[in-house]
Protein backbone atom coordinates (compact mmCIF):
# COMPACT_ATOMS: atom_id res chain seq x y z
CA MET A 1 7.73 -2.54 -33.12
CA ASN A 2 5.13 -1.92 -30.56
CA ARG A 3 5.05 0.64 -28.18
CA ARG A 4 6.12 -0.83 -24.89
CA THR A 5 9.07 -2.74 -26.93
CA HIS A 6 10.49 0.54 -28.53
CA LEU A 7 10.52 1.81 -24.54
CA VAL A 8 12.06 -1.24 -22.87
CA SER A 9 14.86 -0.87 -26.23
CA THR A 10 15.54 2.62 -25.07
CA GLN A 11 16.61 1.63 -21.91
CA THR A 12 19.97 1.05 -22.21
CA SER A 13 23.24 1.82 -21.14
CA ARG A 14 25.18 4.43 -23.11
CA ASN A 15 26.96 2.14 -24.95
CA GLY A 16 24.24 -0.66 -25.64
CA GLU A 17 25.94 -2.82 -23.15
CA PRO A 18 24.02 -4.19 -19.85
CA LEU A 19 24.37 -1.93 -16.76
CA THR A 20 27.50 -2.85 -14.63
CA GLU A 21 26.89 -3.97 -11.12
CA SER A 22 28.14 -0.24 -9.64
CA ALA A 23 26.15 1.42 -12.02
CA ARG A 24 22.87 -0.63 -11.45
CA SER A 25 23.76 -0.20 -7.66
CA ARG A 26 23.76 3.86 -8.49
CA LEU A 27 20.75 3.83 -10.41
CA GLN A 28 18.98 2.01 -7.44
CA ARG A 29 20.08 4.23 -4.93
CA ARG A 30 18.53 7.08 -7.28
CA THR A 31 15.49 5.86 -7.55
CA VAL A 32 14.71 4.90 -4.02
CA LEU A 33 15.35 8.22 -3.37
CA VAL A 34 12.99 9.59 -5.92
CA LEU A 35 10.68 7.55 -4.55
CA MET A 36 10.88 8.44 -0.92
CA LEU A 37 10.40 11.98 -1.55
CA ALA A 38 7.73 11.78 -3.96
CA GLN A 39 6.09 9.58 -1.20
CA VAL A 40 6.73 11.96 1.13
CA VAL A 41 5.19 14.92 -0.42
CA GLY A 42 2.84 12.98 -1.76
CA SER A 43 1.52 11.81 1.43
CA ILE A 44 1.52 14.90 3.42
CA GLY A 45 -2.22 15.49 3.42
CA MET A 46 -3.88 11.87 3.78
CA GLY A 47 -3.73 11.86 7.49
CA ALA A 48 -5.95 14.59 7.61
CA MET A 49 -7.76 14.07 4.50
CA LEU A 50 -9.21 11.12 6.62
CA ALA A 51 -9.55 12.81 9.79
CA VAL A 52 -11.82 15.40 8.11
CA GLY A 53 -13.48 13.69 5.20
CA ALA A 54 -15.78 11.81 7.70
CA LEU A 55 -16.67 15.45 8.65
CA ILE A 56 -17.24 17.06 5.27
CA ALA A 57 -19.72 13.59 4.37
CA LEU A 58 -21.42 14.72 7.92
CA ASP A 59 -22.22 18.33 7.11
CA LEU A 60 -23.25 17.45 2.99
CA SER A 61 -25.46 14.40 4.17
CA GLY A 62 -26.32 15.27 7.54
CA SER A 63 -26.74 11.87 8.51
CA ASP A 64 -24.36 10.28 10.87
CA SER A 65 -25.28 7.23 8.91
CA TRP A 66 -23.58 8.52 5.37
CA SER A 67 -20.67 10.10 6.72
CA GLY A 68 -18.65 6.50 6.99
CA MET A 69 -18.48 6.80 3.31
CA ALA A 70 -15.50 9.00 2.39
CA THR A 71 -13.14 6.54 4.37
CA THR A 72 -15.05 3.77 2.28
CA MET A 73 -15.49 5.53 -1.13
CA ILE A 74 -10.89 6.76 -0.69
CA THR A 75 -10.86 2.26 -0.14
CA LEU A 76 -12.85 1.37 -2.93
CA GLY A 77 -10.96 4.40 -4.89
CA ALA A 78 -7.69 2.80 -4.40
CA ALA A 79 -9.10 -1.03 -5.18
CA ALA A 80 -10.73 0.59 -8.64
CA PHE A 81 -7.63 2.24 -9.62
CA ALA A 82 -4.98 -0.57 -8.70
CA LEU A 83 -4.84 -2.70 -11.58
CA PRO A 84 -5.67 0.14 -14.47
CA LEU A 85 -2.50 2.45 -12.97
CA ALA A 86 -0.39 -1.30 -12.85
CA SER A 87 -1.32 -2.09 -16.40
CA LEU A 88 -0.36 1.16 -17.82
CA ALA A 89 2.85 0.45 -15.44
CA ALA A 90 3.56 -2.53 -17.80
CA ARG A 91 3.02 -0.99 -20.99
CA SER A 92 4.84 2.15 -20.58
CA GLY A 93 6.96 2.00 -17.05
CA ARG A 94 6.22 2.95 -13.45
CA ARG A 95 6.72 6.96 -14.50
CA PRO A 96 3.48 7.45 -16.03
CA GLY A 97 1.67 5.09 -13.67
CA LEU A 98 2.58 6.63 -10.84
CA ALA A 99 2.27 10.10 -11.93
CA LEU A 100 -1.25 9.30 -13.83
CA GLY A 101 -1.86 7.72 -10.40
CA TRP A 102 -1.29 10.83 -8.26
CA PHE A 103 -2.69 13.75 -10.64
CA PHE A 104 -6.04 11.57 -10.25
CA GLY A 105 -6.06 11.96 -6.68
CA ALA A 106 -5.05 15.73 -7.20
CA LEU A 107 -8.44 15.92 -9.56
CA GLY A 108 -10.25 14.24 -6.61
CA GLY A 109 -8.99 17.44 -4.54
CA THR A 110 -10.31 19.00 -6.95
CA VAL A 111 -13.75 17.52 -7.11
CA VAL A 112 -13.89 17.72 -3.21
CA ILE A 113 -13.39 21.09 -2.98
CA ALA A 114 -16.16 22.16 -5.72
CA ALA A 115 -18.46 19.67 -4.25
CA THR A 116 -18.19 21.07 -1.03
CA ILE A 117 -19.05 24.31 -2.17
CA LEU A 118 -21.69 23.96 -4.28
CA ASP A 119 -23.47 21.29 -1.23
CA LEU A 120 -23.09 18.23 -3.65
CA PHE A 121 -22.80 14.93 -1.95
CA ALA A 122 -22.86 12.89 -4.61
CA LEU A 123 -19.89 14.67 -6.15
CA PHE A 124 -18.06 15.03 -2.82
CA LEU A 125 -17.97 11.01 -3.18
CA LEU A 126 -17.23 11.23 -6.67
CA GLY A 127 -14.30 12.75 -5.79
CA MET A 128 -13.34 10.84 -2.75
CA LEU A 129 -13.36 7.75 -5.38
CA LEU A 130 -10.55 10.14 -7.14
CA ILE A 131 -8.40 10.72 -3.88
CA GLY A 132 -8.51 6.82 -3.83
CA ALA A 133 -5.62 6.83 -7.02
CA GLY A 134 -3.52 9.15 -4.82
CA THR A 135 -3.78 6.27 -1.96
CA ALA A 136 -3.28 3.55 -5.05
CA THR A 137 -0.32 5.46 -6.26
CA ASN A 138 1.20 5.12 -2.52
CA LEU A 139 1.03 1.35 -2.46
CA GLN A 140 2.57 1.06 -5.85
CA ALA A 141 5.41 3.03 -4.80
CA ARG A 142 6.51 0.31 -3.11
CA HIS A 143 6.37 -2.04 -6.04
CA ALA A 144 8.83 0.19 -8.17
CA ALA A 145 11.40 -0.19 -5.55
CA ALA A 146 11.79 -3.59 -6.28
CA ASP A 147 12.27 -3.83 -9.67
CA LEU A 148 16.15 -3.37 -9.80
CA ALA A 149 16.92 -4.18 -6.30
CA THR A 150 19.20 -6.99 -6.20
CA GLU A 151 17.85 -10.26 -3.45
CA ARG A 152 20.56 -9.02 -0.81
CA THR A 153 18.47 -5.59 -0.61
CA ARG A 154 15.54 -5.87 -2.00
CA GLY A 155 13.28 -5.79 1.42
CA ARG A 156 15.36 -2.72 3.01
CA ASP A 157 14.87 -0.52 -0.29
CA LEU A 158 10.86 -1.05 -0.62
CA SER A 159 10.47 -1.25 3.10
CA VAL A 160 12.45 2.51 2.95
CA VAL A 161 9.93 3.69 0.60
CA VAL A 162 7.59 2.09 2.80
CA TRP A 163 8.82 4.38 5.60
CA ALA A 164 8.26 7.62 3.68
CA THR A 165 4.91 7.12 4.16
CA THR A 166 5.84 7.43 7.58
CA VAL A 167 6.16 11.29 7.13
CA GLY A 168 3.11 12.99 5.88
CA SER A 169 0.79 10.12 8.10
CA VAL A 170 2.36 12.04 11.08
CA VAL A 171 3.15 15.55 9.93
CA GLY A 172 -0.50 15.64 8.24
CA PRO A 173 -2.62 15.81 11.34
CA ASN A 174 -0.93 18.53 12.79
CA LEU A 175 -1.67 20.45 9.77
CA ILE A 176 -5.40 20.58 10.20
CA GLY A 177 -5.83 24.15 12.18
CA PRO A 178 -2.67 26.25 9.58
CA THR A 179 -4.47 24.59 6.66
CA GLY A 180 -7.71 25.47 8.09
CA GLY A 181 -6.76 29.28 8.94
CA LEU A 182 -5.53 29.27 5.13
CA ALA A 183 -8.85 28.41 3.93
CA VAL A 184 -10.06 30.41 5.82
CA LEU A 185 -8.26 33.53 4.18
CA LEU A 186 -9.07 32.17 1.00
CA GLY A 187 -12.60 32.45 1.60
CA LEU A 188 -13.33 28.51 1.70
CA PRO A 189 -14.30 26.50 4.49
CA ASP A 190 -11.82 25.45 6.87
CA LEU A 191 -12.44 21.74 6.91
CA LEU A 192 -11.62 22.41 3.41
CA GLY A 193 -7.52 22.75 4.18
CA PRO A 194 -6.35 19.66 4.49
CA VAL A 195 -8.32 19.06 1.04
CA LEU A 196 -6.41 22.04 -0.30
CA LEU A 197 -3.24 20.30 1.46
CA THR A 198 -3.54 16.53 -0.37
CA THR A 199 -4.22 18.24 -3.40
CA ALA A 200 -0.93 20.19 -3.61
CA GLY A 201 1.05 17.18 -2.28
CA PHE A 202 -0.49 14.82 -4.70
CA LEU A 203 0.43 17.49 -7.68
CA GLY A 204 3.43 17.18 -6.24
CA GLY A 205 4.36 14.15 -6.03
CA ALA A 206 3.45 13.76 -9.55
CA VAL A 207 5.55 16.43 -11.22
CA LEU A 208 8.52 14.70 -8.58
CA ILE A 209 8.45 11.55 -10.67
CA LEU A 210 7.64 13.25 -14.22
CA VAL A 211 10.95 14.94 -13.79
CA LEU A 212 13.18 12.85 -11.23
CA LEU A 213 12.42 9.37 -11.86
CA ARG A 214 14.77 8.59 -14.97
CA PRO A 215 15.60 6.14 -16.48
CA ASP A 216 12.48 4.60 -15.26
CA PRO A 217 13.30 1.76 -13.18
CA LEU A 218 10.59 -0.88 -14.58
CA LEU A 219 11.60 -0.49 -18.29
CA THR A 220 15.53 -0.58 -17.27
CA ALA A 221 14.56 -3.96 -15.51
CA THR A 222 12.69 -6.19 -18.26
CA ALA A 223 15.38 -4.34 -21.14
CA GLU A 224 17.82 -6.14 -18.47
CA ALA A 225 15.56 -9.45 -18.43
CA ALA A 226 15.08 -9.89 -22.35
CA ARG A 227 18.98 -9.43 -22.62
CA ALA A 228 19.08 -12.00 -20.63
CA ASP A 229 16.89 -13.68 -22.78
CA ALA A 230 18.27 -13.05 -25.78
CA ASP A 231 21.54 -14.24 -24.33
CA GLN A 232 20.22 -17.62 -23.89
CA GLY A 233 18.23 -17.87 -27.56
CA ARG A 234 14.80 -17.00 -25.70
CA ALA A 235 12.04 -15.23 -27.80
CA PRO A 236 10.74 -12.19 -26.20
CA ARG A 237 7.63 -12.44 -24.34
CA ASP A 238 5.54 -9.27 -25.20
CA GLY A 239 1.53 -9.43 -24.98
CA VAL A 240 1.81 -10.71 -21.02
CA GLY A 241 -1.74 -9.86 -19.87
CA LEU A 242 -3.84 -9.81 -16.14
CA ALA A 243 -4.71 -13.51 -16.96
CA ASP A 244 -1.26 -14.64 -17.67
CA ALA A 245 -0.31 -12.93 -14.45
CA LEU A 246 -2.83 -14.80 -12.12
CA ARG A 247 -1.86 -17.94 -13.80
CA ALA A 248 1.57 -17.11 -12.89
CA ILE A 249 0.53 -16.74 -9.38
CA GLY A 250 -0.97 -20.03 -8.96
CA ARG A 251 1.20 -22.00 -10.35
CA THR A 252 4.01 -20.21 -8.43
CA PRO A 253 3.52 -21.41 -4.52
CA SER A 254 5.99 -18.54 -2.99
CA ALA A 255 3.54 -15.72 -5.29
CA LEU A 256 0.44 -16.90 -4.23
CA LEU A 257 1.97 -17.11 -0.81
CA ALA A 258 2.95 -13.38 -1.24
CA VAL A 259 -0.71 -12.60 -2.54
CA VAL A 260 -2.65 -14.24 0.08
CA GLY A 261 0.08 -12.52 2.86
CA VAL A 262 -0.23 -9.47 1.72
CA VAL A 263 -4.10 -9.18 1.79
CA ALA A 264 -4.27 -11.25 4.92
CA SER A 265 -2.44 -8.91 7.12
CA HIS A 266 -4.25 -5.65 5.52
CA THR A 267 -7.44 -7.71 6.01
CA VAL A 268 -6.80 -8.21 9.85
CA MET A 269 -5.62 -5.06 10.52
CA VAL A 270 -8.15 -3.12 8.84
CA SER A 271 -10.58 -5.31 10.97
CA VAL A 272 -9.71 -4.39 14.15
CA MET A 273 -8.61 -0.73 13.97
CA THR A 274 -11.72 0.61 12.00
CA MET A 275 -13.75 -0.14 15.07
CA THR A 276 -11.03 0.70 18.14
CA PRO A 277 -12.14 4.15 18.62
CA VAL A 278 -15.69 2.67 18.76
CA HIS A 279 -15.03 0.12 20.93
CA LEU A 280 -13.08 2.67 23.12
CA THR A 281 -15.92 5.32 23.00
CA HIS A 282 -18.16 2.45 24.58
CA HIS A 283 -16.15 1.99 27.34
CA GLY A 284 -15.55 5.79 27.98
CA ALA A 285 -12.08 6.66 26.63
CA GLU A 286 -11.53 10.73 26.03
CA LEU A 287 -10.99 11.99 22.55
CA THR A 288 -7.49 12.42 23.30
CA VAL A 289 -6.51 8.71 23.90
CA ILE A 290 -8.77 7.70 21.16
CA GLY A 291 -5.92 9.94 19.02
CA LEU A 292 -3.19 8.68 20.78
CA THR A 293 -4.26 5.09 20.41
CA ILE A 294 -4.43 5.49 16.46
CA SER A 295 -1.43 7.77 16.01
CA LEU A 296 0.95 5.08 17.94
CA HIS A 297 -0.70 2.72 15.89
CA ILE A 298 0.12 4.48 12.52
CA ALA A 299 3.46 4.73 14.26
CA GLY A 300 3.34 0.64 14.31
CA MET A 301 2.38 0.32 10.64
CA TYR A 302 5.06 2.54 9.40
CA GLY A 303 8.05 3.83 11.25
CA LEU A 304 9.89 0.22 11.90
CA SER A 305 9.65 -0.40 8.08
CA PRO A 306 13.20 -0.14 7.56
CA LEU A 307 14.07 -2.86 10.31
CA VAL A 308 11.51 -5.22 8.75
CA GLY A 309 12.86 -5.24 5.18
CA TRP A 310 16.58 -5.32 7.19
CA LEU A 311 15.07 -9.09 8.69
CA ALA A 312 13.18 -9.70 5.00
CA ASP A 313 16.29 -9.80 3.59
CA ARG A 314 18.48 -11.32 6.82
CA PHE A 315 16.41 -14.02 7.35
CA GLY A 316 14.72 -14.45 4.15
CA ARG A 317 11.12 -13.60 3.11
CA THR A 318 8.69 -16.31 4.69
CA PRO A 319 10.15 -16.30 8.02
CA THR A 320 9.18 -12.88 8.35
CA LEU A 321 6.30 -12.89 7.12
CA LEU A 322 5.33 -16.13 9.31
CA ALA A 323 6.82 -13.80 12.27
CA GLY A 324 4.53 -10.86 10.98
CA GLN A 325 1.13 -13.44 11.60
CA VAL A 326 2.25 -14.69 15.38
CA ILE A 327 2.48 -10.98 15.75
CA LEU A 328 -1.00 -10.21 14.24
CA LEU A 329 -2.43 -12.94 16.27
CA VAL A 330 -0.56 -11.39 19.51
CA ALA A 331 -1.94 -8.24 18.79
CA ALA A 332 -5.53 -9.89 18.48
CA ALA A 333 -5.03 -11.71 21.91
CA VAL A 334 -3.80 -8.60 23.48
CA ALA A 335 -6.09 -6.13 22.40
CA GLY A 336 -9.55 -9.10 22.02
CA THR A 337 -8.84 -9.51 26.20
CA ALA A 338 -8.18 -6.11 26.96
CA GLY A 339 -11.71 -5.54 28.34
CA HIS A 340 -11.61 -1.64 30.08
CA SER A 341 -8.02 -1.33 29.90
CA GLU A 342 -7.14 1.63 27.45
CA ALA A 343 -3.29 0.33 28.18
CA LEU A 344 -3.91 -2.95 26.54
CA VAL A 345 -5.47 -1.58 23.90
CA THR A 346 -3.37 0.39 22.67
CA THR A 347 -0.61 -2.25 22.76
CA GLY A 348 -2.49 -4.76 20.65
CA LEU A 349 -2.96 -1.87 18.19
CA VAL A 350 0.49 -1.05 18.38
CA LEU A 351 1.74 -4.89 17.33
CA LEU A 352 -1.54 -4.88 15.16
CA GLY A 353 0.49 -2.37 13.34
CA VAL A 354 4.01 -3.63 13.58
CA GLY A 355 2.63 -7.04 12.49
CA TRP A 356 0.99 -5.49 9.27
CA SER A 357 4.52 -3.85 8.65
CA PHE A 358 6.17 -7.14 8.63
CA GLY A 359 3.51 -8.75 6.66
CA LEU A 360 3.25 -6.21 4.00
CA VAL A 361 6.93 -5.73 3.50
CA SER A 362 8.03 -9.42 3.25
CA ALA A 363 4.96 -10.35 1.25
CA SER A 364 6.15 -7.74 -1.29
CA ALA A 365 9.22 -8.25 -1.55
CA LEU A 366 8.66 -11.92 -2.14
CA LEU A 367 5.78 -11.06 -4.84
CA ALA A 368 8.53 -9.16 -6.55
CA GLU A 369 11.32 -12.24 -6.45
CA SER A 370 9.07 -14.65 -6.98
CA LEU A 371 7.79 -13.49 -11.06
CA PRO A 372 9.21 -12.26 -13.91
CA ALA A 373 9.70 -8.85 -15.02
CA GLU A 374 7.34 -8.69 -17.39
CA VAL A 375 4.47 -10.23 -15.00
CA ARG A 376 5.45 -9.10 -12.53
CA PRO A 377 3.34 -5.07 -12.59
CA ARG A 378 0.50 -6.68 -13.43
CA ALA A 379 0.78 -9.57 -10.21
CA GLN A 380 1.50 -6.54 -8.28
CA GLY A 381 -1.60 -4.65 -8.99
CA PHE A 382 -3.62 -7.25 -8.26
CA SER A 383 -2.54 -7.91 -5.10
CA ASP A 384 -3.36 -4.70 -4.18
CA LEU A 385 -6.72 -4.81 -5.67
CA ALA A 386 -7.40 -7.74 -3.56
CA MET A 387 -5.71 -5.71 -0.56
CA ASN A 388 -7.98 -2.91 -0.79
CA LEU A 389 -11.23 -4.85 -1.90
CA GLY A 390 -10.35 -7.06 1.28
CA ALA A 391 -9.98 -4.27 3.88
CA ALA A 392 -13.83 -2.68 2.50
CA SER A 393 -14.98 -5.75 3.00
CA ALA A 394 -13.14 -5.86 6.61
CA ALA A 395 -14.52 -2.55 7.39
CA ALA A 396 -17.77 -2.82 5.91
CA VAL A 397 -18.71 -6.01 8.28
CA SER A 398 -16.45 -5.47 11.28
CA GLY A 399 -19.22 -3.08 12.32
CA VAL A 400 -21.69 -6.29 12.19
CA VAL A 401 -19.34 -8.49 13.77
CA LEU A 402 -18.87 -6.14 16.84
CA ALA A 403 -22.69 -5.46 17.48
CA ALA A 404 -22.69 -9.23 17.57
CA VAL A 405 -19.41 -11.11 19.32
CA GLY A 406 -17.87 -7.66 20.73
CA PHE A 407 -14.66 -6.35 20.47
CA GLY A 408 -12.94 -9.68 21.79
CA GLY A 409 -15.29 -11.70 19.09
CA LEU A 410 -14.07 -9.24 16.40
CA ASN A 411 -10.28 -9.94 17.24
CA LEU A 412 -11.08 -13.65 16.94
CA PHE A 413 -12.89 -13.19 13.43
CA ALA A 414 -10.13 -11.19 12.30
CA ALA A 415 -7.37 -13.80 13.32
CA LEU A 416 -9.05 -16.37 11.67
CA PHE A 417 -7.21 -14.65 8.04
CA THR A 418 -3.94 -15.52 9.19
CA VAL A 419 -4.35 -19.75 8.93
CA PRO A 420 -4.04 -19.22 4.82
CA VAL A 421 -0.78 -17.74 5.51
CA PHE A 422 0.63 -20.52 7.65
CA VAL A 423 -1.36 -23.03 5.38
CA LEU A 424 -0.13 -21.86 1.84
CA ALA A 425 3.42 -21.41 4.08
CA LEU A 426 3.49 -25.07 4.61
CA ARG A 427 2.14 -26.13 1.05
CA ALA A 428 5.06 -23.95 -0.67
CA ARG A 429 8.25 -25.27 1.65
CA GLY A 430 6.75 -29.00 1.00
CA LYS A 431 6.58 -28.07 -2.47
CA HIS A 432 10.19 -26.87 -2.58
CA PHE A 433 11.51 -30.14 -0.20
CA ARG A 434 9.36 -32.38 -3.03
CA THR A 435 11.76 -30.42 -6.04
CA PHE A 436 14.71 -30.76 -3.75
CA THR A 437 15.13 -34.16 -3.11
CA GLY A 438 13.46 -34.92 -6.44
CA ASN A 439 16.43 -33.45 -8.48
CA ALA A 440 18.30 -35.06 -5.38
CA ARG A 441 17.44 -38.00 -6.80
């Protein structure tokens, strides 16, 4: 018996029978609550970290050109850790995968502190790359909320875990001043205050997951699926790798739509959001206006996610995903034609955040229910990898596009990424219709 088979076999009710509906419901509520708590703690410093990361990079490198590498390294780190953490979850469960990701994030914070004290820019970049593991874990927590969810509540359960990130994103930037004072008291530069907060938050999230996320939701879901296979005389399905997950995505239209949907939504959002502060600065906007615009954008990303989850459960994942693409198109139209109007740019950015929320929540729920439990973690890891690579690529080229064709052209460029989602949705619908009519005949 391999390690995974042993772990799965332990995820049973006390009498060895499948979970009853009420027991499964209680376990799911506990799982979601633990994930929400860990998300609040684990994300508490990230908003502040993103704000000061560029400033620390500027101090260490002495160059404006290198200051943007802080965010870039976090994004690349999130992409680099997405698959390894998902593979660990597939082998050993969500608990070790999430805990290790946050531990790596905490290690990254420690490396950043050391790099700043030692004035080593290369070491700082390594630390920011490791902090990206915390970002990857923040994203993967939403998948854990879907493992034991029913079709009726999957969107809601997933969305409230996404919503919990709002607390850290909103509270974190407001703690820059107080944490800076704490850093000074400890004999450190004031910019390291948010780094201390981020490090403590990641470590706290890891401990919460290790202690409280029991039994493991993914192993429990896999055990339930294995029992169903045994009851129907099917052989156990072990040894599922990344190649198997990619083949499953490719031959399942709804899974492919989900992956493309989440990547497109994230890429559109990052393309426009990254260059909005630059655009506003070129038009003479005050820093307070820029800060308010980004804050409202983040509120749009996370604040309405429970409503989005309810809509996905009530009206379906694909219609909600397509509604999100329409909102992204409207956002690009509003922001792209705003000109000097700060109010219209802000409105466009809020809509951009809402469209992202529609895309992320609905596509994540669609992916979870499109694939069997043993394939799901690696497919979700690939989805997060592709999503972060799309974001990194968008951030890299958005400045060039802005310089070449302006903010309106950048929004048009970003809007084009929604096209594959509509095409795949039509393809999936057509295949479903052909299957239905074929069965009817």
